Protein backbone atom coordinates (compact mmCIF):
# COMPACT_ATOMS: atom_id res chain seq x y z
CA MET A 1 6.40 12.42 8.54
CA ARG A 2 5.63 11.39 12.10
CA ASN A 3 8.62 9.04 12.13
CA LEU A 4 11.00 11.80 11.10
CA VAL A 5 9.62 14.27 13.62
CA THR A 6 10.00 11.65 16.34
CA LEU A 7 13.51 10.93 15.14
CA ILE A 8 14.50 14.59 15.28
CA TRP A 9 13.17 15.12 18.80
CA SER A 10 14.90 11.97 20.01
CA LEU A 11 18.20 13.14 18.55
CA ILE A 12 17.86 16.51 20.26
CA SER A 13 18.01 14.81 23.64
CA SER A 14 20.29 11.93 22.67
CA ASP A 15 23.92 11.26 23.50
CA LEU A 16 24.87 11.23 19.83
CA THR A 17 27.44 13.77 18.72
CA VAL A 18 25.22 16.63 17.65
CA THR A 19 26.45 20.20 17.77
CA ASP A 20 24.50 22.81 19.71
CA PHE A 21 23.87 24.59 16.41
CA ASN A 22 22.34 21.49 14.86
CA ARG A 23 20.30 20.77 17.97
CA GLN A 24 18.74 24.19 17.58
CA ARG A 25 18.15 23.58 13.87
CA MET A 26 16.51 20.25 14.68
CA LYS A 27 14.16 21.99 17.11
CA GLU A 28 13.25 24.57 14.48
CA LEU A 29 12.74 21.87 11.87
CA ALA A 30 10.55 19.77 14.14
CA VAL A 31 8.35 22.80 14.83
CA ARG A 32 8.08 23.57 11.10
CA MET A 33 7.13 19.97 10.36
CA LYS A 34 4.48 19.69 13.05
CA GLY A 35 1.08 19.18 11.48
CA LYS A 36 2.35 19.03 7.91
CA ARG A 37 0.91 16.13 5.93
CA GLN A 38 3.55 15.88 3.22
CA LEU A 39 7.25 15.55 3.81
CA ARG A 40 8.39 18.25 1.38
CA ILE A 41 10.76 20.34 3.47
CA GLY A 42 14.01 21.34 1.79
CA ASP A 43 17.57 22.27 2.73
CA LEU A 44 17.92 19.21 4.95
CA LEU A 45 21.34 17.96 3.89
CA GLU A 46 23.49 19.78 6.43
CA LEU A 47 21.21 18.61 9.21
CA LEU A 48 20.57 15.02 8.13
CA GLN A 49 23.74 13.94 6.31
CA PRO A 50 25.45 12.62 9.49
CA LEU A 51 22.39 10.44 10.15
CA ALA A 52 22.76 8.63 6.83
CA ASN A 53 25.55 6.58 8.40
CA ILE A 54 23.46 5.44 11.39
CA SER A 55 21.78 2.14 10.47
CA THR A 56 18.73 2.60 12.69
CA VAL A 57 17.72 5.90 11.07
CA ARG A 58 19.32 5.58 7.62
CA GLY A 59 16.08 4.68 5.86
CA ILE A 60 14.08 7.59 7.28
CA THR A 61 16.94 9.98 6.61
CA LEU A 62 17.35 8.97 2.95
CA ALA A 63 13.58 9.11 2.40
CA ALA A 64 13.46 12.68 3.72
CA LEU A 65 16.34 13.76 1.50
CA ALA A 66 14.99 12.01 -1.59
CA ASN A 67 11.59 13.65 -1.18
CA SER A 68 13.01 17.10 -0.56
CA PRO A 69 12.20 19.90 -3.03
CA THR A 70 15.86 20.94 -2.80
CA GLU A 71 18.03 19.52 -5.58
CA LYS A 72 21.10 19.31 -3.35
CA ASP A 73 19.24 17.08 -0.92
CA ARG A 74 18.02 14.75 -3.67
CA LYS A 75 21.42 14.64 -5.35
CA PHE A 76 23.00 13.35 -2.15
CA VAL A 77 20.82 10.24 -2.41
CA THR A 78 21.51 9.55 -6.08
CA ASP A 79 25.22 10.22 -5.60
CA LEU A 80 25.27 7.58 -2.87
CA ALA A 81 23.52 5.13 -5.16
CA ASP A 82 25.89 5.87 -8.04
CA LYS A 83 28.84 4.89 -5.86
CA GLU A 84 27.43 1.47 -4.98
CA ASP A 85 27.78 -1.64 -7.12
CA SER A 86 25.11 -3.32 -5.00
CA ILE A 87 22.36 -0.86 -4.14
CA SER A 88 20.88 -1.02 -0.65
CA LEU A 89 17.23 -1.49 0.27
CA GLU A 90 17.22 1.91 1.97
CA LEU A 91 18.35 3.68 -1.20
CA LEU A 92 15.92 1.79 -3.41
CA ASN A 93 13.01 2.48 -1.09
CA SER A 94 13.85 6.16 -0.68
CA LEU A 95 13.79 6.66 -4.46
CA PHE A 96 10.74 4.46 -5.08
CA GLU A 97 8.64 6.19 -2.42
CA SER A 98 9.54 9.68 -3.63
CA LYS A 99 6.99 12.06 -5.10
CA ASN A 100 9.57 13.32 -7.60
CA PRO A 101 9.44 11.64 -11.06
CA LYS A 102 13.18 12.15 -11.54
CA ASN A 103 13.85 9.91 -8.55
CA LEU A 104 11.69 7.21 -10.12
CA SER A 105 13.75 7.54 -13.31
CA TYR A 106 16.87 6.87 -11.27
CA TRP A 107 15.15 3.98 -9.49
CA LEU A 108 14.26 2.33 -12.79
CA LYS A 109 17.81 2.75 -14.06
CA TYR A 110 19.27 1.18 -10.93
CA LEU A 111 17.08 -1.90 -11.42
CA TYR A 112 19.24 -2.86 -14.41
CA THR A 113 22.56 -1.19 -13.63
CA LYS A 114 22.99 -2.28 -9.99
CA LYS A 115 22.92 -5.55 -8.11
CA ILE A 116 19.56 -5.64 -6.33
CA PRO A 117 19.11 -7.20 -2.85
CA ALA A 118 17.73 -10.73 -3.06
CA ASN A 119 14.83 -9.87 -0.75
CA TYR A 120 13.75 -6.76 -2.67
CA PHE A 121 10.09 -6.73 -3.64
CA ILE A 122 8.27 -4.15 -5.77
CA PHE A 123 4.69 -3.13 -5.04
CA SER A 124 3.98 -1.23 -8.25
CA ASN A 125 0.49 -0.17 -7.17
CA GLU A 126 1.97 1.76 -4.25
CA GLN A 127 3.72 4.21 -6.57
CA PRO A 128 1.22 5.93 -8.92
CA LEU A 129 4.03 7.76 -10.73
CA LEU A 130 4.99 4.46 -12.38
CA LYS A 131 1.82 4.72 -14.43
CA SER A 132 2.38 8.33 -15.44
CA ASP A 133 3.03 9.26 -19.05
CA GLU A 134 6.13 11.14 -17.95
CA LEU A 135 7.85 7.95 -16.80
CA LEU A 136 6.69 5.72 -19.66
CA PRO A 137 9.87 6.12 -21.78
CA ASP A 138 12.04 5.21 -18.78
CA LEU A 139 9.78 2.26 -18.05
CA HIS A 140 10.12 1.00 -21.62
CA ILE A 141 13.91 1.21 -21.43
CA ALA A 142 13.89 -0.65 -18.12
CA PHE A 143 11.88 -3.54 -19.56
CA LEU A 144 14.31 -3.85 -22.44
CA LYS A 145 17.33 -3.97 -20.11
CA ILE A 146 16.21 -5.76 -16.94
CA LYS A 147 17.25 -9.42 -16.94
CA ASP A 148 16.10 -10.52 -13.49
CA PRO A 149 12.80 -12.47 -13.91
CA LYS A 150 11.67 -11.59 -10.40
CA ILE A 151 11.95 -7.86 -11.10
CA LEU A 152 10.22 -8.22 -14.48
CA ALA A 153 7.33 -10.12 -12.90
CA GLN A 154 6.86 -7.47 -10.22
CA LEU A 155 7.23 -4.47 -12.51
CA VAL A 156 4.96 -5.49 -15.39
CA GLU A 157 1.90 -4.35 -13.41
CA ALA A 158 3.01 -0.80 -14.23
CA LEU A 159 1.97 -1.45 -17.85
CA ARG A 160 -1.60 -2.45 -16.99
CA GLY A 161 -4.07 -0.57 -19.18
CA ARG A 162 -1.44 0.72 -21.58
CA THR A 163 -2.49 0.51 -25.23
CA ASP A 164 0.45 2.19 -26.96
CA ALA A 165 2.34 -0.03 -29.39
CA GLN A 166 5.58 -0.30 -27.42
CA SER A 167 3.89 -1.20 -24.14
CA VAL A 168 1.76 -3.83 -25.87
CA ASP A 169 4.86 -5.27 -27.59
CA ILE A 170 6.66 -5.51 -24.24
CA VAL A 171 3.78 -7.35 -22.58
CA ILE A 172 3.46 -9.74 -25.54
CA THR A 173 7.18 -10.47 -25.37
CA LEU A 174 6.87 -11.22 -21.66
CA LEU A 175 4.02 -13.64 -22.40
CA SER A 176 6.66 -15.86 -24.01
CA HIS A 177 9.31 -15.42 -21.32
CA THR A 178 11.10 -18.53 -20.11
CA ASP A 179 10.04 -17.81 -16.53
CA SER A 180 6.46 -18.92 -15.73
CA THR A 181 5.98 -16.23 -13.07
CA VAL A 182 6.84 -13.49 -15.56
CA ARG A 183 4.39 -15.00 -18.05
CA TYR A 184 1.63 -15.20 -15.45
CA PHE A 185 1.91 -11.57 -14.31
CA ALA A 186 2.21 -10.38 -17.91
CA ALA A 187 -1.03 -12.22 -18.68
CA LEU A 188 -2.71 -10.60 -15.67
CA THR A 189 -1.93 -7.11 -16.98
CA THR A 190 -3.88 -7.79 -20.19
CA ARG A 191 -7.22 -8.12 -18.39
CA ASP A 192 -9.73 -5.49 -19.55
CA ASN A 193 -7.12 -4.01 -21.88
CA PRO A 194 -8.82 -2.91 -25.13
CA ALA A 195 -5.66 -3.13 -27.26
CA ALA A 196 -6.53 -5.02 -30.46
CA ARG A 197 -3.39 -7.15 -30.44
CA PHE A 198 -4.36 -8.75 -27.13
CA LYS A 199 -7.53 -10.00 -28.86
CA GLU A 200 -5.63 -11.85 -31.58
CA PRO A 201 -6.15 -15.64 -31.34
CA ASP A 202 -2.46 -16.50 -31.00
CA ILE A 203 -1.97 -13.93 -28.24
CA GLN A 204 -5.16 -15.06 -26.49
CA LYS A 205 -3.78 -18.60 -26.39
CA LEU A 206 -0.68 -17.36 -24.58
CA ILE A 207 -2.75 -15.31 -22.15
CA GLN A 208 -5.18 -18.11 -21.32
CA ARG A 209 -2.37 -20.67 -21.02
CA ASP A 210 -0.71 -18.72 -18.24
CA LEU A 211 -3.84 -17.57 -16.47
CA HIS A 212 -5.36 -21.02 -16.18
CA LYS A 213 -2.44 -23.24 -15.30
């Protein structure tokens, strides 16, 4: 929030091509945002769309649009992503950090339909929506379709504590993955999980093998 407010005030006084009308709108927006704790202000597209092409503020701009309560604002972000064969870090982060479950559904889909930046890293614990029941079907589909071992290893934390049959099956499958890092993080997610299948001797052997290498 603070970053976007700072951005807006800096643009008001900058040499960038900003119309007088938009300068006034920026001032009004900055005043509205002052003191607000959550970035949930809508109808931002007209104001912020030109900034999406400026590399230094692209990330903040896309995050504001993705987290907007206005569908038109959010759609601008997903439309951008749909046009890209290789999805950018800014787009991935704007969707992942959103408070809207629909954006997380798109994010999960892009993990297996787009080329992901080599330096992309997922911190599953930083997005509580990944562990919501609402996103579980999308999460299951993602695990069935994602091929990149690095992404699988980072994402499996989202299944920690899940005891439903499909989630347990996915984790057990990952325990036999060809990539040792995937196996290790899959084994970690089974800790303190009461699911009966994780207690089976054959499964326990897989878990202990990867946890105690």
